[in-house]
PDB file of N, CA and C in Angstrom:
ATOM      1  N   MET A   1     -55.530  12.766  57.750  1.00  0.00           N
ATOM      2  CA  MET A   1     -54.443  11.903  57.656  1.00  0.00           C
ATOM      3  C   MET A   1     -53.920  11.466  59.040  1.00  0.00           C
ATOM      4  N   THR A   2     -53.740  12.442  59.887  1.00  0.00           N
ATOM      5  CA  THR A   2     -53.242  12.165  61.226  1.00  0.00           C
ATOM      6  C   THR A   2     -54.120  11.203  61.981  1.00  0.00           C
ATOM      7  N   GLY A   3     -55.421  11.326  61.826  1.00  0.00           N
ATOM      8  CA  GLY A   3     -56.389  10.424  62.496  1.00  0.00           C
ATOM      9  C   GLY A   3     -56.132   8.968  62.119  1.00  0.00           C
ATOM     10  N   ASN A   4     -55.894   8.762  60.834  1.00  0.00           N
ATOM     11  CA  ASN A   4     -55.605   7.401  60.331  1.00  0.00           C
ATOM     12  C   ASN A   4     -54.320   6.819  60.940  1.00  0.00           C
ATOM     13  N   VAL A   5     -53.303   7.684  61.050  1.00  0.00           N
ATOM     14  CA  VAL A   5     -52.012   7.245  61.634  1.00  0.00           C
ATOM     15  C   VAL A   5     -52.255   6.765  63.003  1.00  0.00           C
ATOM     16  N   PHE A   6     -53.021   7.547  63.803  1.00  0.00           N
ATOM     17  CA  PHE A   6     -53.257   7.206  65.224  1.00  0.00           C
ATOM     18  C   PHE A   6     -54.100   5.865  65.256  1.00  0.00           C
ATOM     19  N   ARG A   7     -55.067   5.765  64.365  1.00  0.00           N
ATOM     20  CA  ARG A   7     -55.904   4.558  64.331  1.00  0.00           C
ATOM     21  C   ARG A   7     -55.088   3.316  64.051  1.00  0.00           C
ATOM     22  N   TYR A   8     -54.201   3.408  63.036  1.00  0.00           N
ATOM     23  CA  TYR A   8     -53.351   2.295  62.682  1.00  0.00           C
ATOM     24  C   TYR A   8     -52.367   1.953  63.778  1.00  0.00           C
ATOM     25  N   ALA A   9     -51.813   2.978  64.414  1.00  0.00           N
ATOM     26  CA  ALA A   9     -50.952   2.700  65.545  1.00  0.00           C
ATOM     27  C   ALA A   9     -51.689   2.005  66.678  1.00  0.00           C
ATOM     28  N   SER A  10     -52.897   2.473  66.956  1.00  0.00           N
ATOM     29  CA  SER A  10     -53.699   1.885  67.960  1.00  0.00           C
ATOM     30  C   SER A  10     -54.020   0.386  67.695  1.00  0.00           C
ATOM     31  N   GLU A  11     -54.364   0.150  66.436  1.00  0.00           N
ATOM     32  CA  GLU A  11     -54.685  -1.234  65.983  1.00  0.00           C
ATOM     33  C   GLU A  11     -53.451  -2.112  66.100  1.00  0.00           C
ATOM     34  N   ALA A  12     -52.320  -1.569  65.694  1.00  0.00           N
ATOM     35  CA  ALA A  12     -51.020  -2.343  65.861  1.00  0.00           C
ATOM     36  C   ALA A  12     -50.730  -2.636  67.271  1.00  0.00           C
ATOM     37  N   ARG A  13     -50.874  -1.701  68.140  1.00  0.00           N
ATOM     38  CA  ARG A  13     -50.627  -1.876  69.566  1.00  0.00           C
ATOM     39  C   ARG A  13     -51.531  -2.954  70.151  1.00  0.00           C
ATOM     40  N   ALA A  14     -52.815  -2.864  69.761  1.00  0.00           N
ATOM     41  CA  ALA A  14     -53.775  -3.893  70.263  1.00  0.00           C
ATOM     42  C   ALA A  14     -53.399  -5.281  69.711  1.00  0.00           C
ATOM     43  N   ARG A  15     -52.969  -5.339  68.483  1.00  0.00           N
ATOM     44  CA  ARG A  15     -52.590  -6.637  67.922  1.00  0.00           C
ATOM     45  C   ARG A  15     -51.358  -7.198  68.699  1.00  0.00           C
ATOM     46  N   GLY A  16     -50.448  -6.287  68.989  1.00  0.00           N
ATOM     47  CA  GLY A  16     -49.224  -6.731  69.737  1.00  0.00           C
ATOM     48  C   GLY A  16     -49.533  -7.196  71.120  1.00  0.00           C
ATOM     49  N   VAL A  17     -50.580  -6.563  71.760  1.00  0.00           N
ATOM     50  CA  VAL A  17     -50.934  -6.965  73.100  1.00  0.00           C
ATOM     51  C   VAL A  17     -51.595  -8.377  73.028  1.00  0.00           C
ATOM     52  N   ARG A  18     -52.456  -8.565  72.045  1.00  0.00           N
ATOM     53  CA  ARG A  18     -53.099  -9.942  71.839  1.00  0.00           C
ATOM     54  C   ARG A  18     -52.065 -10.970  71.611  1.00  0.00           C
ATOM     55  N   GLU A  19     -51.112 -10.713  70.751  1.00  0.00           N
ATOM     56  CA  GLU A  19     -50.059 -11.691  70.402  1.00  0.00           C
ATOM     57  C   GLU A  19     -49.255 -11.967  71.713  1.00  0.00           C
ATOM     58  N   GLY A  20     -48.940 -10.906  72.487  1.00  0.00           N
ATOM     59  CA  GLY A  20     -48.169 -11.146  73.633  1.00  0.00           C
ATOM     60  C   GLY A  20     -48.881 -12.021  74.668  1.00  0.00           C
ATOM     61  N   ARG A  21     -50.219 -11.796  74.793  1.00  0.00           N
ATOM     62  CA  ARG A  21     -50.989 -12.649  75.723  1.00  0.00           C
ATOM     63  C   ARG A  21     -51.028 -14.080  75.269  1.00  0.00           C
ATOM     64  N   ILE A  22     -51.152 -14.303  73.951  1.00  0.00           N
ATOM     65  CA  ILE A  22     -51.161 -15.632  73.439  1.00  0.00           C
ATOM     66  C   ILE A  22     -49.820 -16.354  73.701  1.00  0.00           C
ATOM     67  N   GLU A  23     -48.708 -15.623  73.400  1.00  0.00           N
ATOM     68  CA  GLU A  23     -47.373 -16.228  73.657  1.00  0.00           C
ATOM     69  C   GLU A  23     -47.237 -16.535  75.162  1.00  0.00           C
ATOM     70  N   GLY A  24     -47.709 -15.657  76.014  1.00  0.00           N
ATOM     71  CA  GLY A  24     -47.582 -15.871  77.441  1.00  0.00           C
ATOM     72  C   GLY A  24     -48.388 -17.059  77.940  1.00  0.00           C
ATOM     73  N   GLN A  25     -49.615 -17.318  77.333  1.00  0.00           N
ATOM     74  CA  GLN A  25     -50.419 -18.450  77.690  1.00  0.00           C
ATOM     75  C   GLN A  25     -49.679 -19.730  77.280  1.00  0.00           C
ATOM     76  N   ALA A  26     -49.163 -19.741  76.075  1.00  0.00           N
ATOM     77  CA  ALA A  26     -48.439 -20.907  75.567  1.00  0.00           C
ATOM     78  C   ALA A  26     -47.208 -21.197  76.445  1.00  0.00           C
ATOM     79  N   GLU A  27     -46.475 -20.198  76.836  1.00  0.00           N
ATOM     80  CA  GLU A  27     -45.328 -20.408  77.686  1.00  0.00           C
ATOM     81  C   GLU A  27     -45.797 -20.888  79.032  1.00  0.00           C
ATOM     82  N   GLY A  28     -47.018 -20.412  79.491  1.00  0.00           N
ATOM     83  CA  GLY A  28     -47.492 -20.811  80.760  1.00  0.00           C
ATOM     84  C   GLY A  28     -47.864 -22.318  80.783  1.00  0.00           C
ATOM     85  N   VAL A  29     -48.432 -22.766  79.723  1.00  0.00           N
ATOM     86  CA  VAL A  29     -48.777 -24.181  79.635  1.00  0.00           C
ATOM     87  C   VAL A  29     -47.587 -25.040  79.771  1.00  0.00           C
ATOM     88  N   LEU A  30     -46.470 -24.704  79.088  1.00  0.00           N
ATOM     89  CA  LEU A  30     -45.267 -25.449  79.129  1.00  0.00           C
ATOM     90  C   LEU A  30     -44.574 -25.379  80.520  1.00  0.00           C
ATOM     91  N   LEU A  31     -44.587 -24.210  81.156  1.00  0.00           N
ATOM     92  CA  LEU A  31     -44.047 -24.019  82.440  1.00  0.00           C
ATOM     93  C   LEU A  31     -44.821 -24.865  83.520  1.00  0.00           C
ATOM     94  N   VAL A  32     -46.112 -24.880  83.428  1.00  0.00           N
ATOM     95  CA  VAL A  32     -46.876 -25.688  84.368  1.00  0.00           C
ATOM     96  C   VAL A  32     -46.503 -27.175  84.240  1.00  0.00           C
ATOM     97  N   LEU A  33     -46.515 -27.679  82.980  1.00  0.00           N
ATOM     98  CA  LEU A  33     -46.120 -29.064  82.776  1.00  0.00           C
ATOM     99  C   LEU A  33     -44.706 -29.383  83.242  1.00  0.00           C
ATOM    100  N   GLU A  34     -43.794 -28.452  82.951  1.00  0.00           N
ATOM    101  CA  GLU A  34     -42.398 -28.652  83.389  1.00  0.00           C
ATOM    102  C   GLU A  34     -42.309 -28.619  84.915  1.00  0.00           C
ATOM    103  N   GLY A  35     -43.020 -27.678  85.500  1.00  0.00           N
ATOM    104  CA  GLY A  35     -42.994 -27.559  86.992  1.00  0.00           C
ATOM    105  C   GLY A  35     -43.565 -28.766  87.686  1.00  0.00           C
ATOM    106  N   ARG A  36     -44.437 -29.468  86.993  1.00  0.00           N
ATOM    107  CA  ARG A  36     -44.961 -30.684  87.607  1.00  0.00           C
ATOM    108  C   ARG A  36     -44.132 -31.915  87.326  1.00  0.00           C
ATOM    109  N   GLY A  37     -43.025 -31.700  86.614  1.00  0.00           N
ATOM    110  CA  GLY A  37     -42.077 -32.791  86.305  1.00  0.00           C
ATOM    111  C   GLY A  37     -42.496 -33.645  85.167  1.00  0.00           C
ATOM    112  N   LEU A  38     -43.430 -33.181  84.320  1.00  0.00           N
ATOM    113  CA  LEU A  38     -43.937 -33.905  83.150  1.00  0.00           C
ATOM    114  C   LEU A  38     -42.998 -33.695  81.955  1.00  0.00           C
ATOM    115  N   THR A  39     -42.646 -34.744  81.214  1.00  0.00           N
ATOM    116  CA  THR A  39     -41.867 -34.632  80.032  1.00  0.00           C
ATOM    117  C   THR A  39     -42.743 -34.122  78.900  1.00  0.00           C
ATOM    118  N   VAL A  40     -42.233 -33.110  78.181  1.00  0.00           N
ATOM    119  CA  VAL A  40     -42.928 -32.616  76.962  1.00  0.00           C
ATOM    120  C   VAL A  40     -42.044 -32.836  75.766  1.00  0.00           C
ATOM    121  N   SER A  41     -42.645 -33.555  74.844  1.00  0.00           N
ATOM    122  CA  SER A  41     -41.831 -33.813  73.618  1.00  0.00           C
ATOM    123  C   SER A  41     -41.702 -32.544  72.807  1.00  0.00           C
ATOM    124  N   SER A  42     -40.739 -32.626  71.920  1.00  0.00           N
ATOM    125  CA  SER A  42     -40.518 -31.434  71.015  1.00  0.00           C
ATOM    126  C   SER A  42     -41.769 -31.167  70.159  1.00  0.00           C
ATOM    127  N   ASP A  43     -42.388 -32.224  69.688  1.00  0.00           N
ATOM    128  CA  ASP A  43     -43.618 -32.023  68.873  1.00  0.00           C
ATOM    129  C   ASP A  43     -44.736 -31.379  69.751  1.00  0.00           C
ATOM    130  N   GLU A  44     -44.869 -31.811  70.935  1.00  0.00           N
ATOM    131  CA  GLU A  44     -45.894 -31.179  71.885  1.00  0.00           C
ATOM    132  C   GLU A  44     -45.577 -29.739  72.128  1.00  0.00           C
ATOM    133  N   CYS A  45     -44.330 -29.496  72.363  1.00  0.00           N
ATOM    134  CA  CYS A  45     -43.809 -28.140  72.620  1.00  0.00           C
ATOM    135  C   CYS A  45     -44.154 -27.283  71.384  1.00  0.00           C
ATOM    136  N   GLU A  46     -43.812 -27.756  70.235  1.00  0.00           N
ATOM    137  CA  GLU A  46     -44.087 -26.949  69.048  1.00  0.00           C
ATOM    138  C   GLU A  46     -45.608 -26.758  68.833  1.00  0.00           C
ATOM    139  N   ARG A  47     -46.370 -27.766  69.116  1.00  0.00           N
ATOM    140  CA  ARG A  47     -47.829 -27.622  68.972  1.00  0.00           C
ATOM    141  C   ARG A  47     -48.371 -26.528  69.887  1.00  0.00           C
ATOM    142  N   VAL A  48     -47.923 -26.532  71.149  1.00  0.00           N
ATOM    143  CA  VAL A  48     -48.337 -25.540  72.093  1.00  0.00           C
ATOM    144  C   VAL A  48     -47.919 -24.164  71.590  1.00  0.00           C
ATOM    145  N   LEU A  49     -46.614 -23.990  71.221  1.00  0.00           N
ATOM    146  CA  LEU A  49     -46.157 -22.664  70.829  1.00  0.00           C
ATOM    147  C   LEU A  49     -46.756 -22.128  69.525  1.00  0.00           C
ATOM    148  N   ALA A  50     -47.221 -23.050  68.668  1.00  0.00           N
ATOM    149  CA  ALA A  50     -47.732 -22.682  67.390  1.00  0.00           C
ATOM    150  C   ALA A  50     -49.251 -22.253  67.505  1.00  0.00           C
ATOM    151  N   CYS A  51     -49.891 -22.673  68.622  1.00  0.00           N
ATOM    152  CA  CYS A  51     -51.281 -22.394  68.822  1.00  0.00           C
ATOM    153  C   CYS A  51     -51.527 -20.870  68.985  1.00  0.00           C
ATOM    154  N   THR A  52     -52.514 -20.366  68.196  1.00  0.00           N
ATOM    155  CA  THR A  52     -52.846 -18.965  68.280  1.00  0.00           C
ATOM    156  C   THR A  52     -54.342 -18.790  68.759  1.00  0.00           C
ATOM    157  N   ASP A  53     -54.939 -19.829  69.194  1.00  0.00           N
ATOM    158  CA  ASP A  53     -56.381 -19.724  69.692  1.00  0.00           C
ATOM    159  C   ASP A  53     -56.319 -19.525  71.233  1.00  0.00           C
ATOM    160  N   PRO A  54     -56.699 -18.329  71.660  1.00  0.00           N
ATOM    161  CA  PRO A  54     -56.642 -18.039  73.097  1.00  0.00           C
ATOM    162  C   PRO A  54     -57.504 -18.972  73.926  1.00  0.00           C
ATOM    163  N   GLU A  55     -58.688 -19.373  73.392  1.00  0.00           N
ATOM    164  CA  GLU A  55     -59.526 -20.282  74.124  1.00  0.00           C
ATOM    165  C   GLU A  55     -58.966 -21.669  74.313  1.00  0.00           C
ATOM    166  N   ARG A  56     -58.371 -22.171  73.270  1.00  0.00           N
ATOM    167  CA  ARG A  56     -57.681 -23.467  73.368  1.00  0.00           C
ATOM    168  C   ARG A  56     -56.572 -23.407  74.365  1.00  0.00           C
ATOM    169  N   LEU A  57     -55.697 -22.321  74.261  1.00  0.00           N
ATOM    170  CA  LEU A  57     -54.581 -22.214  75.138  1.00  0.00           C
ATOM    171  C   LEU A  57     -55.073 -22.099  76.644  1.00  0.00           C
ATOM    172  N   ARG A  58     -56.190 -21.367  76.848  1.00  0.00           N
ATOM    173  CA  ARG A  58     -56.744 -21.256  78.197  1.00  0.00           C
ATOM    174  C   ARG A  58     -57.174 -22.701  78.703  1.00  0.00           C
ATOM    175  N   GLU A  59     -57.803 -23.414  77.823  1.00  0.00           N
ATOM    176  CA  GLU A  59     -58.199 -24.792  78.150  1.00  0.00           C
ATOM    177  C   GLU A  59     -56.960 -25.639  78.535  1.00  0.00           C
ATOM    178  N   TRP A  60     -55.956 -25.564  77.713  1.00  0.00           N
ATOM    179  CA  TRP A  60     -54.721 -26.304  77.961  1.00  0.00           C
ATOM    180  C   TRP A  60     -54.060 -25.922  79.226  1.00  0.00           C
ATOM    181  N   LEU A  61     -54.003 -24.568  79.455  1.00  0.00           N
ATOM    182  CA  LEU A  61     -53.436 -24.078  80.689  1.00  0.00           C
ATOM    183  C   LEU A  61     -54.133 -24.576  81.922  1.00  0.00           C
ATOM    184  N   THR A  62     -55.459 -24.624  81.844  1.00  0.00           N
ATOM    185  CA  THR A  62     -56.286 -25.151  82.973  1.00  0.00           C
ATOM    186  C   THR A  62     -55.969 -26.636  83.228  1.00  0.00           C
ATOM    187  N   ARG A  63     -55.886 -27.399  82.055  1.00  0.00           N
ATOM    188  CA  ARG A  63     -55.683 -28.842  82.150  1.00  0.00           C
ATOM    189  C   ARG A  63     -54.288 -29.229  82.518  1.00  0.00           C
ATOM    190  N   ALA A  64     -53.304 -28.359  82.212  1.00  0.00           N
ATOM    191  CA  ALA A  64     -51.909 -28.649  82.468  1.00  0.00           C
ATOM    192  C   ALA A  64     -51.676 -28.918  83.948  1.00  0.00           C
ATOM    193  N   GLY A  65     -52.528 -28.385  84.793  1.00  0.00           N
ATOM    194  CA  GLY A  65     -52.396 -28.674  86.278  1.00  0.00           C
ATOM    195  C   GLY A  65     -52.874 -29.954  86.766  1.00  0.00           C
ATOM    196  N   THR A  66     -53.601 -30.674  85.869  1.00  0.00           N
ATOM    197  CA  THR A  66     -54.206 -31.960  86.351  1.00  0.00           C
ATOM    198  C   THR A  66     -53.873 -33.190  85.539  1.00  0.00           C
ATOM    199  N   VAL A  67     -53.367 -33.035  84.326  1.00  0.00           N
ATOM    200  CA  VAL A  67     -53.095 -34.212  83.467  1.00  0.00           C
ATOM    201  C   VAL A  67     -51.998 -35.006  84.072  1.00  0.00           C
ATOM    202  N   GLY A  68     -52.031 -36.322  83.800  1.00  0.00           N
ATOM    203  CA  GLY A  68     -51.000 -37.273  84.290  1.00  0.00           C
ATOM    204  C   GLY A  68     -49.787 -37.358  83.402  1.00  0.00           C
ATOM    205  N   ALA A  69     -49.982 -36.963  82.090  1.00  0.00           N
ATOM    206  CA  ALA A  69     -48.890 -36.926  81.145  1.00  0.00           C
ATOM    207  C   ALA A  69     -49.167 -35.817  80.118  1.00  0.00           C
ATOM    208  N   SER A  70     -48.160 -35.201  79.590  1.00  0.00           N
ATOM    209  CA  SER A  70     -48.340 -34.093  78.671  1.00  0.00           C
ATOM    210  C   SER A  70     -49.245 -34.461  77.487  1.00  0.00           C
ATOM    211  N   ALA A  71     -49.183 -35.725  76.972  1.00  0.00           N
ATOM    212  CA  ALA A  71     -49.990 -36.073  75.834  1.00  0.00           C
ATOM    213  C   ALA A  71     -51.477 -35.949  76.117  1.00  0.00           C
ATOM    214  N   GLU A  72     -51.852 -36.125  77.424  1.00  0.00           N
ATOM    215  CA  GLU A  72     -53.286 -36.023  77.773  1.00  0.00           C
ATOM    216  C   GLU A  72     -53.815 -34.613  77.572  1.00  0.00           C
ATOM    217  N   LEU A  73     -53.005 -33.699  77.488  1.00  0.00           N
ATOM    218  CA  LEU A  73     -53.423 -32.329  77.306  1.00  0.00           C
ATOM    219  C   LEU A  73     -54.175 -32.107  76.010  1.00  0.00           C
ATOM    220  N   PHE A  74     -53.854 -32.900  75.018  1.00  0.00           N
ATOM    221  CA  PHE A  74     -54.462 -32.739  73.647  1.00  0.00           C
ATOM    222  C   PHE A  74     -55.673 -33.610  73.400  1.00  0.00           C
ATOM    223  N   ARG A  75     -56.083 -34.320  74.400  1.00  0.00           N
ATOM    224  CA  ARG A  75     -57.282 -35.229  74.184  1.00  0.00           C
ATOM    225  C   ARG A  75     -58.550 -34.529  74.400  1.00  0.00           C
TER     226      ARG A  75
END
């Protein structure tokens, strides 16, 4: 029984770490756009914050430094 408790706790911790990284990437995308002085609509903001795909967020984070407008991020 004790082994299962530790396994579940470990899995929950790993899930929390993954979720935290995803949230951090989403916030990073928005911060880069904001730091560059680009306007981000509420729909765009919601779309970024709702994304749970780490690969897509990584792509957006990379592109956030070069797009001319926030809408270009999603093309």
